[in-house]
Amino acid sequence: MKKYYPCKSASNILRVIAIIIFCVFSATAWIYLSAYPIIMWVAIILFCVLFILFFILVPIYFSRTCYYFSANEISKQSGFFIESQQLIRV
């Protein structure tokens, strides 16, 4: 039975994409909601909180995901708080 983990470069690519998306959303909130300062700051703070949670949860998911390959089955184990296992018989 062979054991495989997700590639770390995939996690880094997701982080770069997340940085770009969160910067675009924050800039959009800054530009289009500047007439409504309370809504603008709430939106920017919300994006920052989601940004921080993303950078905490994605590495946890990548560290807890594992694939097992054998002659009879392929198995995936993952999860944050509750571990789940998916099994495919070959």
N, C-alpha and C. Protein backbone atom coordinates (compact mmCIF):
# COMPACT_ATOMS: atom_id res chain seq x y z
N MET A 1 0.85 -1.17 0.00
CA MET A 1 0.00 0.00 0.00
C MET A 1 0.90 1.23 0.00
N LYS A 2 0.67 2.11 -0.96
CA LYS A 2 1.44 3.35 -1.05
C LYS A 2 0.62 4.50 -0.48
N LYS A 3 1.33 5.43 0.13
CA LYS A 3 0.69 6.56 0.78
C LYS A 3 1.16 7.84 0.10
N TYR A 4 0.20 8.70 -0.29
CA TYR A 4 0.52 9.96 -0.98
C TYR A 4 -0.16 11.12 -0.27
N TYR A 5 0.51 12.26 -0.31
CA TYR A 5 -0.02 13.50 0.26
C TYR A 5 -0.18 14.53 -0.86
N PRO A 6 -1.07 15.53 -0.68
CA PRO A 6 -1.22 16.57 -1.69
C PRO A 6 0.08 17.36 -1.86
N CYS A 7 0.29 17.85 -3.04
CA CYS A 7 1.50 18.61 -3.37
C CYS A 7 1.46 19.97 -2.66
N LYS A 8 2.58 20.36 -2.08
CA LYS A 8 2.66 21.65 -1.38
C LYS A 8 2.56 22.83 -2.36
N SER A 9 2.96 22.62 -3.60
CA SER A 9 2.86 23.73 -4.56
C SER A 9 1.40 24.07 -4.86
N ALA A 10 0.50 23.08 -4.77
CA ALA A 10 -0.92 23.37 -4.96
C ALA A 10 -1.43 24.29 -3.86
N SER A 11 -0.97 24.07 -2.64
CA SER A 11 -1.35 24.94 -1.54
C SER A 11 -0.82 26.36 -1.76
N ASN A 12 0.40 26.46 -2.25
CA ASN A 12 0.98 27.78 -2.51
C ASN A 12 0.25 28.49 -3.65
N ILE A 13 -0.15 27.75 -4.67
CA ILE A 13 -0.91 28.35 -5.77
C ILE A 13 -2.26 28.86 -5.27
N LEU A 14 -2.92 28.09 -4.41
CA LEU A 14 -4.19 28.54 -3.83
C LEU A 14 -4.00 29.79 -2.99
N ARG A 15 -2.90 29.89 -2.29
CA ARG A 15 -2.62 31.08 -1.49
C ARG A 15 -2.44 32.31 -2.37
N VAL A 16 -1.71 32.16 -3.46
CA VAL A 16 -1.49 33.30 -4.37
C VAL A 16 -2.81 33.73 -4.99
N ILE A 17 -3.62 32.77 -5.42
CA ILE A 17 -4.93 33.10 -5.99
C ILE A 17 -5.81 33.79 -4.95
N ALA A 18 -5.76 33.31 -3.71
CA ALA A 18 -6.55 33.93 -2.64
C ALA A 18 -6.10 35.35 -2.37
N ILE A 19 -4.80 35.59 -2.38
CA ILE A 19 -4.30 36.96 -2.17
C ILE A 19 -4.82 37.89 -3.25
N ILE A 20 -4.77 37.44 -4.50
CA ILE A 20 -5.25 38.26 -5.61
C ILE A 20 -6.74 38.54 -5.47
N ILE A 21 -7.53 37.50 -5.18
CA ILE A 21 -8.99 37.66 -5.06
C ILE A 21 -9.34 38.59 -3.91
N PHE A 22 -8.71 38.41 -2.75
CA PHE A 22 -9.04 39.25 -1.61
C PHE A 22 -8.60 40.69 -1.83
N CYS A 23 -7.49 40.90 -2.52
CA CYS A 23 -7.07 42.28 -2.84
C CYS A 23 -8.04 42.95 -3.80
N VAL A 24 -8.49 42.19 -4.79
CA VAL A 24 -9.45 42.75 -5.75
C VAL A 24 -10.77 43.09 -5.06
N PHE A 25 -11.27 42.19 -4.20
CA PHE A 25 -12.52 42.46 -3.50
C PHE A 25 -12.39 43.65 -2.55
N SER A 26 -11.28 43.75 -1.85
CA SER A 26 -11.08 44.89 -0.94
C SER A 26 -10.97 46.20 -1.71
N ALA A 27 -10.25 46.18 -2.84
CA ALA A 27 -10.14 47.40 -3.65
C ALA A 27 -11.50 47.78 -4.24
N THR A 28 -12.26 46.78 -4.65
CA THR A 28 -13.60 47.05 -5.18
C THR A 28 -14.50 47.65 -4.11
N ALA A 29 -14.42 47.11 -2.90
CA ALA A 29 -15.21 47.68 -1.80
C ALA A 29 -14.75 49.10 -1.50
N TRP A 30 -13.45 49.33 -1.56
CA TRP A 30 -12.92 50.67 -1.28
C TRP A 30 -13.39 51.68 -2.33
N ILE A 31 -13.40 51.27 -3.59
CA ILE A 31 -13.75 52.19 -4.68
C ILE A 31 -15.26 52.43 -4.74
N TYR A 32 -16.03 51.36 -4.77
CA TYR A 32 -17.46 51.50 -5.01
C TYR A 32 -18.29 51.79 -3.77
N LEU A 33 -17.76 51.50 -2.59
CA LEU A 33 -18.53 51.75 -1.37
C LEU A 33 -17.98 52.92 -0.57
N SER A 34 -17.16 53.76 -1.17
CA SER A 34 -16.58 54.89 -0.43
C SER A 34 -17.66 55.91 -0.03
N ALA A 35 -18.78 55.92 -0.73
CA ALA A 35 -19.88 56.82 -0.35
C ALA A 35 -20.60 56.34 0.91
N TYR A 36 -20.44 55.07 1.22
CA TYR A 36 -21.06 54.47 2.40
C TYR A 36 -19.94 53.90 3.29
N PRO A 37 -19.33 54.75 4.13
CA PRO A 37 -18.13 54.31 4.86
C PRO A 37 -18.35 53.14 5.81
N ILE A 38 -19.50 53.07 6.45
CA ILE A 38 -19.73 51.97 7.39
C ILE A 38 -19.80 50.64 6.64
N ILE A 39 -20.54 50.62 5.55
CA ILE A 39 -20.65 49.39 4.75
C ILE A 39 -19.29 49.03 4.15
N MET A 40 -18.54 50.05 3.74
CA MET A 40 -17.21 49.81 3.16
C MET A 40 -16.29 49.15 4.17
N TRP A 41 -16.23 49.68 5.39
CA TRP A 41 -15.32 49.11 6.39
C TRP A 41 -15.78 47.74 6.85
N VAL A 42 -17.08 47.53 6.92
CA VAL A 42 -17.58 46.19 7.28
C VAL A 42 -17.19 45.18 6.21
N ALA A 43 -17.31 45.56 4.94
CA ALA A 43 -16.93 44.66 3.85
C ALA A 43 -15.44 44.38 3.87
N ILE A 44 -14.62 45.40 4.08
CA ILE A 44 -13.17 45.20 4.11
C ILE A 44 -12.76 44.33 5.30
N ILE A 45 -13.34 44.56 6.46
CA ILE A 45 -13.04 43.73 7.63
C ILE A 45 -13.49 42.30 7.40
N LEU A 46 -14.65 42.12 6.78
CA LEU A 46 -15.12 40.77 6.46
C LEU A 46 -14.15 40.06 5.52
N PHE A 47 -13.67 40.75 4.49
CA PHE A 47 -12.70 40.15 3.57
C PHE A 47 -11.40 39.81 4.29
N CYS A 48 -10.97 40.64 5.21
CA CYS A 48 -9.74 40.36 5.96
C CYS A 48 -9.91 39.15 6.87
N VAL A 49 -11.05 39.02 7.52
CA VAL A 49 -11.31 37.86 8.37
C VAL A 49 -11.35 36.59 7.54
N LEU A 50 -12.02 36.63 6.39
CA LEU A 50 -12.06 35.46 5.51
C LEU A 50 -10.66 35.11 5.00
N PHE A 51 -9.86 36.13 4.73
CA PHE A 51 -8.49 35.95 4.28
C PHE A 51 -7.67 35.21 5.35
N ILE A 52 -7.78 35.64 6.59
CA ILE A 52 -7.05 35.01 7.68
C ILE A 52 -7.53 33.58 7.90
N LEU A 53 -8.85 33.36 7.89
CA LEU A 53 -9.37 32.00 8.05
C LEU A 53 -8.92 31.09 6.92
N PHE A 54 -8.86 31.61 5.71
CA PHE A 54 -8.41 30.82 4.57
C PHE A 54 -6.97 30.36 4.78
N PHE A 55 -6.13 31.26 5.29
CA PHE A 55 -4.73 30.91 5.49
C PHE A 55 -4.51 30.02 6.70
N ILE A 56 -5.50 29.87 7.55
CA ILE A 56 -5.41 28.92 8.66
C ILE A 56 -5.98 27.57 8.24
N LEU A 57 -7.10 27.55 7.53
CA LEU A 57 -7.78 26.31 7.23
C LEU A 57 -7.18 25.52 6.06
N VAL A 58 -6.68 26.18 5.05
CA VAL A 58 -6.12 25.47 3.89
C VAL A 58 -4.90 24.63 4.28
N PRO A 59 -3.94 25.16 5.05
CA PRO A 59 -2.82 24.30 5.44
C PRO A 59 -3.24 23.12 6.32
N ILE A 60 -4.25 23.32 7.16
CA ILE A 60 -4.75 22.21 7.97
C ILE A 60 -5.36 21.14 7.08
N TYR A 61 -6.13 21.55 6.08
CA TYR A 61 -6.72 20.59 5.17
C TYR A 61 -5.65 19.83 4.40
N PHE A 62 -4.64 20.53 3.92
CA PHE A 62 -3.58 19.88 3.16
C PHE A 62 -2.75 18.95 4.04
N SER A 63 -2.57 19.28 5.30
CA SER A 63 -1.77 18.41 6.17
C SER A 63 -2.55 17.17 6.61
N ARG A 64 -3.86 17.23 6.61
CA ARG A 64 -4.67 16.09 7.05
C ARG A 64 -5.24 15.25 5.92
N THR A 65 -4.92 15.59 4.69
CA THR A 65 -5.40 14.82 3.55
C THR A 65 -4.33 13.81 3.15
N CYS A 66 -4.78 12.57 2.94
CA CYS A 66 -3.85 11.51 2.58
C CYS A 66 -4.57 10.52 1.67
N TYR A 67 -3.85 10.04 0.67
CA TYR A 67 -4.39 9.05 -0.26
C TYR A 67 -3.61 7.76 -0.12
N TYR A 68 -4.33 6.63 -0.07
CA TYR A 68 -3.72 5.31 -0.01
C TYR A 68 -4.08 4.56 -1.28
N PHE A 69 -3.08 3.97 -1.92
CA PHE A 69 -3.29 3.17 -3.12
C PHE A 69 -2.79 1.77 -2.86
N SER A 70 -3.64 0.79 -3.12
CA SER A 70 -3.25 -0.61 -3.04
C SER A 70 -3.76 -1.31 -4.29
N ALA A 71 -3.50 -2.60 -4.39
CA ALA A 71 -3.95 -3.35 -5.56
C ALA A 71 -5.46 -3.49 -5.60
N ASN A 72 -6.11 -3.43 -4.45
CA ASN A 72 -7.56 -3.67 -4.38
C ASN A 72 -8.41 -2.42 -4.20
N GLU A 73 -7.80 -1.33 -3.68
CA GLU A 73 -8.63 -0.16 -3.37
C GLU A 73 -7.81 1.13 -3.39
N ILE A 74 -8.54 2.21 -3.53
CA ILE A 74 -7.99 3.56 -3.41
C ILE A 74 -8.77 4.24 -2.29
N SER A 75 -8.05 4.81 -1.33
CA SER A 75 -8.69 5.40 -0.17
C SER A 75 -8.21 6.83 0.02
N LYS A 76 -9.14 7.71 0.42
CA LYS A 76 -8.82 9.10 0.72
C LYS A 76 -9.29 9.41 2.13
N GLN A 77 -8.41 9.98 2.94
CA GLN A 77 -8.77 10.42 4.28
C GLN A 77 -8.53 11.91 4.38
N SER A 78 -9.51 12.64 4.89
CA SER A 78 -9.38 14.09 5.04
C SER A 78 -10.38 14.59 6.06
N GLY A 79 -10.29 15.86 6.38
CA GLY A 79 -11.24 16.50 7.28
C GLY A 79 -10.57 17.47 8.22
N PHE A 80 -11.35 18.42 8.71
CA PHE A 80 -10.83 19.38 9.68
C PHE A 80 -11.09 18.90 11.09
N PHE A 81 -12.34 18.87 11.46
CA PHE A 81 -12.71 18.46 12.81
C PHE A 81 -13.19 17.02 12.83
N ILE A 82 -13.88 16.62 11.79
CA ILE A 82 -14.40 15.26 11.67
C ILE A 82 -13.67 14.59 10.51
N GLU A 83 -12.99 13.52 10.80
CA GLU A 83 -12.25 12.80 9.76
C GLU A 83 -13.23 12.00 8.90
N SER A 84 -13.05 12.05 7.60
CA SER A 84 -13.88 11.27 6.70
C SER A 84 -12.97 10.41 5.82
N GLN A 85 -13.52 9.29 5.40
CA GLN A 85 -12.76 8.38 4.55
C GLN A 85 -13.63 7.98 3.38
N GLN A 86 -13.05 8.06 2.18
CA GLN A 86 -13.72 7.64 0.97
C GLN A 86 -12.94 6.46 0.42
N LEU A 87 -13.66 5.45 -0.02
CA LEU A 87 -13.03 4.21 -0.46
C LEU A 87 -13.57 3.83 -1.84
N ILE A 88 -12.65 3.49 -2.74
CA ILE A 88 -13.02 3.03 -4.07
C ILE A 88 -12.38 1.67 -4.28
N ARG A 89 -13.17 0.67 -4.57
CA ARG A 89 -12.65 -0.65 -4.86
C ARG A 89 -12.28 -0.73 -6.33
N VAL A 90 -11.13 -1.29 -6.59
CA VAL A 90 -10.64 -1.39 -7.97
C VAL A 90 -10.88 -2.77 -8.50
